[in-house]
Amino acid sequence: MAFSTKTLLIAAVLGAFTAPALAQTAATPWELKPDTGYAYDKEGKTFSYKMGTSNAGELLKGAKKVPRGTLFFIGHNGQLYMRSGPYLEGDGKFKFGSDQ
């Protein structure tokens, strides 16, 4: 089964955004592991795959780097989104955090 690198990169961030934020908390770094591919399939399910190096060139064909400053999130409709641009306030707080 072939997955595009874009799909794998998008899926990689799902772990950080799978649960809705109920209250604003300190940012928590999430870990991406080397030699692991992350997928977000057509049904919205997430998977991780152990990757090898024999076909790394094939994987990189058509791949795009995710720009720094990109925010990934799951919308109310369950769809994965990405947004470029500022997501932190001037004081470093998350711009789209809970109002509670």
Protein backbone atom coordinates (compact mmCIF):
# COMPACT_ATOMS: atom_id res chain seq x y z
CA MET A 1 0.00 0.00 0.00
CA ALA A 2 1.57 3.34 -1.02
CA PHE A 3 1.12 6.56 0.90
CA SER A 4 2.33 9.95 -0.22
CA THR A 5 4.81 11.73 1.98
CA LYS A 6 2.35 14.57 2.40
CA THR A 7 -0.16 12.10 3.81
CA LEU A 8 2.49 10.69 6.11
CA LEU A 9 3.54 14.12 7.34
CA ILE A 10 -0.02 15.20 7.97
CA ALA A 11 -0.68 12.05 9.90
CA ALA A 12 2.42 12.60 11.97
CA VAL A 13 0.86 15.53 13.72
CA LEU A 14 -2.40 13.85 14.56
CA GLY A 15 -1.22 12.66 17.93
CA ALA A 16 -0.93 16.23 19.13
CA PHE A 17 -4.45 17.18 18.08
CA THR A 18 -6.68 14.14 18.49
CA ALA A 19 -8.45 15.37 21.62
CA PRO A 20 -10.15 18.75 21.93
CA ALA A 21 -8.57 21.26 24.27
CA LEU A 22 -10.80 21.88 27.25
CA ALA A 23 -8.51 24.38 28.94
CA GLN A 24 -5.34 26.07 27.81
CA THR A 25 -2.29 24.26 29.09
CA ALA A 26 1.40 24.60 28.45
CA ALA A 27 2.51 23.46 25.01
CA THR A 28 3.74 19.88 24.93
CA PRO A 29 6.31 18.87 22.32
CA TRP A 30 5.36 15.75 20.37
CA GLU A 31 7.80 13.19 19.19
CA LEU A 32 8.22 11.93 15.67
CA LYS A 33 10.40 8.86 15.50
CA PRO A 34 13.02 8.24 12.83
CA ASP A 35 12.27 5.43 10.40
CA THR A 36 8.55 5.68 11.13
CA GLY A 37 5.88 6.71 8.65
CA TYR A 38 2.57 8.18 9.83
CA ALA A 39 -0.58 7.92 7.77
CA TYR A 40 -4.03 9.50 7.82
CA ASP A 41 -6.21 7.34 5.61
CA LYS A 42 -9.31 8.09 3.55
CA GLU A 43 -11.58 7.11 6.45
CA GLY A 44 -9.76 9.44 8.85
CA LYS A 45 -7.94 6.65 10.71
CA THR A 46 -4.32 7.04 11.72
CA PHE A 47 -1.54 4.50 11.43
CA SER A 48 2.19 4.30 11.99
CA TYR A 49 4.51 2.12 9.95
CA LYS A 50 8.09 0.96 10.49
CA MET A 51 10.01 2.17 7.47
CA GLY A 52 13.04 0.77 5.70
CA THR A 53 15.68 2.45 3.59
CA SER A 54 15.56 0.32 0.43
CA ASN A 55 12.86 2.49 -1.16
CA ALA A 56 13.57 5.84 0.52
CA GLY A 57 14.16 7.50 -2.85
CA GLU A 58 10.69 6.48 -3.98
CA LEU A 59 9.18 7.90 -0.79
CA LEU A 60 10.86 11.27 -1.32
CA LYS A 61 9.59 11.65 -4.90
CA GLY A 62 6.90 14.28 -4.82
CA ALA A 63 7.40 14.88 -1.09
CA LYS A 64 7.16 18.41 0.26
CA LYS A 65 8.64 19.81 3.42
CA VAL A 66 6.16 21.12 5.95
CA PRO A 67 6.93 24.81 6.47
CA ARG A 68 7.89 25.94 9.94
CA GLY A 69 5.06 27.80 11.62
CA THR A 70 2.40 25.34 10.41
CA LEU A 71 -0.45 24.39 12.73
CA PHE A 72 -2.35 21.12 12.28
CA PHE A 73 -5.75 20.52 13.86
CA ILE A 74 -8.90 18.45 13.65
CA GLY A 75 -12.02 20.49 12.90
CA HIS A 76 -15.47 19.91 14.42
CA ASN A 77 -16.29 17.82 11.36
CA GLY A 78 -13.41 15.41 12.10
CA GLN A 79 -11.39 16.64 9.11
CA LEU A 80 -7.64 17.25 9.45
CA TYR A 81 -6.61 20.82 8.60
CA MET A 82 -3.35 22.73 8.41
CA ARG A 83 -2.83 26.46 8.66
CA SER A 84 0.21 28.59 8.05
CA GLY A 85 0.64 31.81 9.90
CA PRO A 86 0.77 32.97 13.47
CA TYR A 87 -0.87 30.78 16.10
CA LEU A 88 0.72 32.34 19.18
CA GLU A 89 -0.13 35.64 20.83
CA GLY A 90 2.63 38.15 21.54
CA ASP A 91 2.98 36.75 25.08
CA GLY A 92 3.48 33.22 23.71
CA LYS A 93 0.00 31.92 24.58
CA PHE A 94 -1.85 29.84 22.04
CA LYS A 95 -4.02 32.21 19.99
CA PHE A 96 -6.86 29.73 19.54
CA GLY A 97 -6.96 28.35 23.09
CA SER A 98 -9.95 27.90 25.31
CA ASP A 99 -11.65 31.00 26.67
CA GLN A 100 -12.16 29.29 30.03
